[in-house]
Amino acid sequence: MGLPDGESVRGLRGWLSRLAPLRQGDEGRPDPGEPVDGDPCPVVASKALPKFLSHLETRPAPVLLDLGCVVGPNITYFGDRLNCKVVVEDLFADLERHVRQGERDAFPAFLSDRFRLEAESVDGVLVWDLYDFLDRASARALAAVLVRLMRTDGALFGFFGTGGRSGLGCAKYIVIDDSHLRERARESTLERQGPLQNRDIIKMFDGMRVAEAFLLKTGRREMLFRKGGGGRPII
């Protein structure tokens, strides 16, 4: 499929032409924000998540690090789908606590010492949209930690805003199937920060490369990173 038209997409074309294809969701998929099955929570049709899962499926007994809150159905889904160990570390809650206590400036240092996992012990990371709520110093600190924790050829999945969403509040994501997530509001006072530029994201995740990138209809970027340049391609 060719690159979609549009001013916002043309701005991404240069760097994605070197790193990964930019694609739009299938017309048959539910649009992000479209309720299904009577549930008022919007559904996100993901193109990168099935590739992330397929890649982890090739690894024996993978370790999956989830940076969101504990969601029971997700743990069951990933455990059954991947036969993996799921480690949940709710950084949204950590960030909220720092903000409420007026200690946001201390969050980068906190992240550097947050995890008790060994280096190169993680096969996959679910970042969700956490980076939309981090300041630049925290974003860089977290990226450095995640690169250190991930095994060679490990994969990272996340959403990165482009400035179309603002205001208070965050969400938790509930997996429906390999290609669909339900976005449910989570009680929070966190506020989205200014969007990261593509070059800043790439620079932060030094040691990883963009394996896939998609522009959702909401304007958010869905990105899949892989650690190292070798190994099997994510298809």
Protein backbone atom coordinates (compact mmCIF):
# COMPACT_ATOMS: atom_id res chain seq x y z
CA MET A 1 0.00 0.00 0.00
CA GLY A 2 1.35 3.46 -0.83
CA LEU A 3 1.87 6.22 1.61
CA PRO A 4 -1.34 8.08 2.52
CA ASP A 5 -1.74 11.69 1.40
CA GLY A 6 -1.90 14.58 3.83
CA GLU A 7 0.32 17.28 5.22
CA SER A 8 0.89 15.50 8.55
CA VAL A 9 1.93 12.30 6.84
CA ARG A 10 4.30 14.03 4.41
CA GLY A 11 6.14 15.37 7.42
CA LEU A 12 6.79 11.79 8.56
CA ARG A 13 7.69 10.41 5.14
CA GLY A 14 11.40 11.24 5.20
CA TRP A 15 12.42 9.40 8.33
CA LEU A 16 9.96 6.52 7.93
CA SER A 17 11.22 5.82 4.41
CA ARG A 18 14.53 4.87 6.02
CA LEU A 19 13.18 3.01 9.03
CA ALA A 20 9.72 1.50 8.54
CA PRO A 21 6.62 1.63 6.33
CA LEU A 22 3.87 4.08 7.30
CA ARG A 23 0.43 2.60 6.83
CA GLN A 24 -3.16 3.37 7.68
CA GLY A 25 -5.63 1.01 9.29
CA ASP A 26 -7.90 -1.11 7.10
CA GLU A 27 -11.23 0.47 6.29
CA GLY A 28 -12.96 -2.60 7.67
CA ARG A 29 -11.48 -2.11 11.12
CA PRO A 30 -13.39 -0.16 13.78
CA ASP A 31 -12.23 3.45 13.86
CA PRO A 32 -10.56 4.56 17.07
CA GLY A 33 -13.34 6.12 19.12
CA GLU A 34 -16.07 3.88 17.72
CA PRO A 35 -17.99 2.00 20.46
CA VAL A 36 -18.68 -1.69 19.85
CA ASP A 37 -20.94 -4.26 21.49
CA GLY A 38 -22.73 -1.54 23.41
CA ASP A 39 -19.57 -0.61 25.32
CA PRO A 40 -19.13 3.22 25.35
CA CYS A 41 -15.35 2.90 25.61
CA PRO A 42 -13.59 3.56 22.30
CA VAL A 43 -11.83 0.79 20.42
CA VAL A 44 -8.38 1.21 18.90
CA ALA A 45 -7.71 -0.88 15.81
CA SER A 46 -4.03 -1.74 16.02
CA LYS A 47 -1.71 -2.73 13.19
CA ALA A 48 1.47 -2.91 15.26
CA LEU A 49 0.18 -5.01 18.17
CA PRO A 50 -0.32 -8.23 16.14
CA LYS A 51 3.23 -7.89 14.79
CA PHE A 52 4.52 -7.37 18.33
CA LEU A 53 2.70 -10.50 19.53
CA SER A 54 3.78 -12.60 16.54
CA HIS A 55 7.39 -11.66 17.18
CA LEU A 56 7.24 -12.58 20.87
CA GLU A 57 5.51 -15.84 19.97
CA THR A 58 8.77 -17.02 18.36
CA ARG A 59 10.71 -16.63 21.62
CA PRO A 60 10.72 -19.42 24.24
CA ALA A 61 9.02 -18.45 27.51
CA PRO A 62 9.28 -14.68 26.86
CA VAL A 63 9.20 -12.05 29.60
CA LEU A 64 6.72 -9.24 28.91
CA LEU A 65 7.03 -5.93 30.78
CA ASP A 66 3.77 -3.94 30.99
CA LEU A 67 4.18 -0.31 32.10
CA GLY A 68 0.45 0.24 32.65
CA CYS A 69 -1.83 -0.76 35.50
CA VAL A 70 -2.76 -4.33 36.33
CA VAL A 71 -5.51 -5.50 33.95
CA GLY A 72 -6.52 -9.06 34.74
CA PRO A 73 -7.90 -9.93 31.28
CA ASN A 74 -4.65 -8.71 29.67
CA ILE A 75 -2.50 -10.91 31.90
CA THR A 76 -4.68 -13.89 31.01
CA TYR A 77 -4.64 -13.03 27.32
CA PHE A 78 -0.88 -12.59 27.05
CA GLY A 79 -0.21 -15.64 29.21
CA ASP A 80 -2.41 -17.85 27.02
CA ARG A 81 -1.28 -16.29 23.74
CA LEU A 82 2.47 -16.23 24.42
CA ASN A 83 3.04 -18.64 27.31
CA CYS A 84 4.95 -15.76 28.85
CA LYS A 85 5.71 -14.23 32.21
CA VAL A 86 4.00 -10.84 32.56
CA VAL A 87 5.66 -8.25 34.81
CA VAL A 88 3.43 -5.23 35.51
CA GLU A 89 5.10 -2.02 36.68
CA ASP A 90 2.54 0.81 36.83
CA LEU A 91 4.57 3.88 35.92
CA PHE A 92 1.40 5.93 35.44
CA ALA A 93 0.70 5.55 39.19
CA ASP A 94 4.34 6.35 40.00
CA LEU A 95 4.20 9.51 37.90
CA GLU A 96 0.90 10.61 39.41
CA ARG A 97 2.30 10.20 42.90
CA HIS A 98 5.33 12.33 42.05
CA VAL A 99 3.17 15.03 40.48
CA ARG A 100 0.77 15.17 43.44
CA GLN A 101 3.67 15.44 45.87
CA GLY A 102 5.29 18.21 43.84
CA GLU A 103 8.27 16.00 43.02
CA ARG A 104 8.04 15.75 39.26
CA ASP A 105 11.64 16.93 38.88
CA ALA A 106 12.76 13.85 40.83
CA PHE A 107 11.00 11.43 38.47
CA PRO A 108 13.93 10.89 36.03
CA ALA A 109 16.21 9.80 38.88
CA PHE A 110 13.42 7.61 40.26
CA LEU A 111 13.05 5.87 36.88
CA SER A 112 16.76 5.16 36.67
CA ASP A 113 16.52 3.05 39.83
CA ARG A 114 12.89 1.89 39.55
CA PHE A 115 13.26 -1.64 38.18
CA ARG A 116 14.70 -4.70 39.90
CA LEU A 117 14.91 -6.66 36.65
CA GLU A 118 18.27 -7.82 35.35
CA ALA A 119 19.80 -6.22 32.29
CA GLU A 120 18.80 -7.96 29.04
CA SER A 121 16.07 -9.97 30.79
CA VAL A 122 12.98 -8.65 28.96
CA ASP A 123 11.70 -9.78 25.56
CA GLY A 124 8.88 -7.28 25.08
CA VAL A 125 7.68 -3.97 26.54
CA LEU A 126 4.19 -2.46 26.45
CA VAL A 127 4.64 1.29 26.84
CA TRP A 128 1.06 2.18 25.82
CA ASP A 129 0.81 6.03 25.68
CA LEU A 130 2.98 6.72 28.73
CA TYR A 131 5.35 8.94 26.75
CA ASP A 132 2.54 11.43 26.15
CA PHE A 133 2.65 12.26 29.88
CA LEU A 134 6.41 12.43 30.42
CA ASP A 135 8.60 15.51 30.33
CA ARG A 136 11.73 15.29 28.17
CA ALA A 137 14.10 14.37 31.02
CA SER A 138 11.83 11.56 32.22
CA ALA A 139 11.29 10.31 28.66
CA ARG A 140 15.04 10.05 28.08
CA ALA A 141 15.65 8.36 31.44
CA LEU A 142 12.97 5.74 30.82
CA ALA A 143 14.18 4.99 27.29
CA ALA A 144 17.71 4.38 28.58
CA VAL A 145 16.41 1.95 31.20
CA LEU A 146 14.22 0.05 28.71
CA VAL A 147 17.07 -0.35 26.22
CA ARG A 148 19.21 -1.77 29.03
CA LEU A 149 16.51 -4.20 30.20
CA MET A 150 15.62 -5.56 26.78
CA ARG A 151 17.26 -8.60 25.23
CA THR A 152 18.73 -8.39 21.76
CA ASP A 153 15.94 -8.58 19.15
CA GLY A 154 13.36 -7.76 21.82
CA ALA A 155 10.40 -5.55 20.84
CA LEU A 156 8.69 -2.48 22.29
CA PHE A 157 5.15 -1.34 21.47
CA GLY A 158 3.74 2.12 22.17
CA PHE A 159 1.60 5.08 21.13
CA PHE A 160 3.09 8.54 20.64
CA GLY A 161 0.85 11.59 20.36
CA THR A 162 1.09 14.26 17.68
CA GLY A 163 -0.61 17.04 19.64
CA GLY A 164 -4.21 16.25 18.74
CA ARG A 165 -5.12 15.23 22.29
CA SER A 166 -4.77 17.39 25.37
CA GLY A 167 -6.12 17.87 28.86
CA LEU A 168 -6.19 15.83 32.05
CA GLY A 169 -6.69 12.11 32.44
CA CYS A 170 -5.18 8.93 31.06
CA ALA A 171 -6.50 5.56 29.95
CA LYS A 172 -5.90 1.88 30.44
CA TYR A 173 -5.92 -0.41 27.43
CA ILE A 174 -7.74 -3.73 27.48
CA VAL A 175 -6.86 -6.28 24.80
CA ILE A 176 -9.88 -7.56 22.87
CA ASP A 177 -7.89 -9.61 20.37
CA ASP A 178 -4.55 -9.39 18.58
CA SER A 179 -5.67 -6.35 16.58
CA HIS A 180 -8.05 -4.45 18.86
CA LEU A 181 -7.76 -2.63 22.18
CA ARG A 182 -10.47 -1.06 24.27
CA GLU A 183 -9.48 2.32 25.68
CA ARG A 184 -11.06 2.84 29.08
CA ALA A 185 -10.74 6.07 31.07
CA ARG A 186 -8.66 5.83 34.23
CA GLU A 187 -9.10 8.21 37.13
CA SER A 188 -6.12 10.49 36.96
CA THR A 189 -4.96 14.08 37.18
CA LEU A 190 -2.06 13.55 34.76
CA GLU A 191 -1.82 15.98 31.87
CA ARG A 192 -0.44 15.27 28.42
CA GLN A 193 2.80 17.03 27.64
CA GLY A 194 3.87 18.49 24.30
CA PRO A 195 4.30 15.82 21.61
CA LEU A 196 7.74 14.38 20.95
CA GLN A 197 9.27 14.94 17.53
CA ASN A 198 10.19 11.88 15.50
CA ARG A 199 13.91 12.64 15.66
CA ASP A 200 13.69 12.95 19.46
CA ILE A 201 11.98 9.57 19.81
CA ILE A 202 14.59 7.88 17.62
CA LYS A 203 17.45 9.53 19.51
CA MET A 204 16.02 8.54 22.91
CA PHE A 205 15.79 4.87 21.98
CA ASP A 206 19.41 4.66 20.95
CA GLY A 207 20.17 0.95 20.55
CA MET A 208 16.74 0.23 19.08
CA ARG A 209 15.34 0.80 15.62
CA VAL A 210 11.84 1.43 14.32
CA ALA A 211 10.52 -1.85 12.91
CA GLU A 212 6.98 -0.61 12.16
CA ALA A 213 5.14 2.71 12.35
CA PHE A 214 1.51 3.51 11.62
CA LEU A 215 -0.45 6.75 11.70
CA LEU A 216 -3.87 6.16 13.27
CA LYS A 217 -6.93 8.11 12.20
CA THR A 218 -6.83 9.96 15.53
CA GLY A 219 -3.40 11.32 14.56
CA ARG A 220 -1.51 9.20 17.07
CA ARG A 221 1.58 7.31 15.97
CA GLU A 222 1.65 3.62 16.73
CA MET A 223 5.26 2.44 16.81
CA LEU A 224 7.08 -0.85 17.17
CA PHE A 225 10.78 -0.85 18.06
CA ARG A 226 13.27 -3.69 17.99
CA LYS A 227 16.57 -3.84 19.84
CA GLY A 228 19.61 -4.39 17.64
CA GLY A 229 19.93 -4.50 13.88
CA GLY A 230 20.09 -8.24 13.36
CA GLY A 231 17.67 -11.05 13.80
CA ARG A 232 14.46 -12.02 12.13
CA PRO A 233 12.39 -9.16 10.62
CA ILE A 234 9.05 -8.35 12.26
CA ILE A 235 6.42 -9.10 9.60
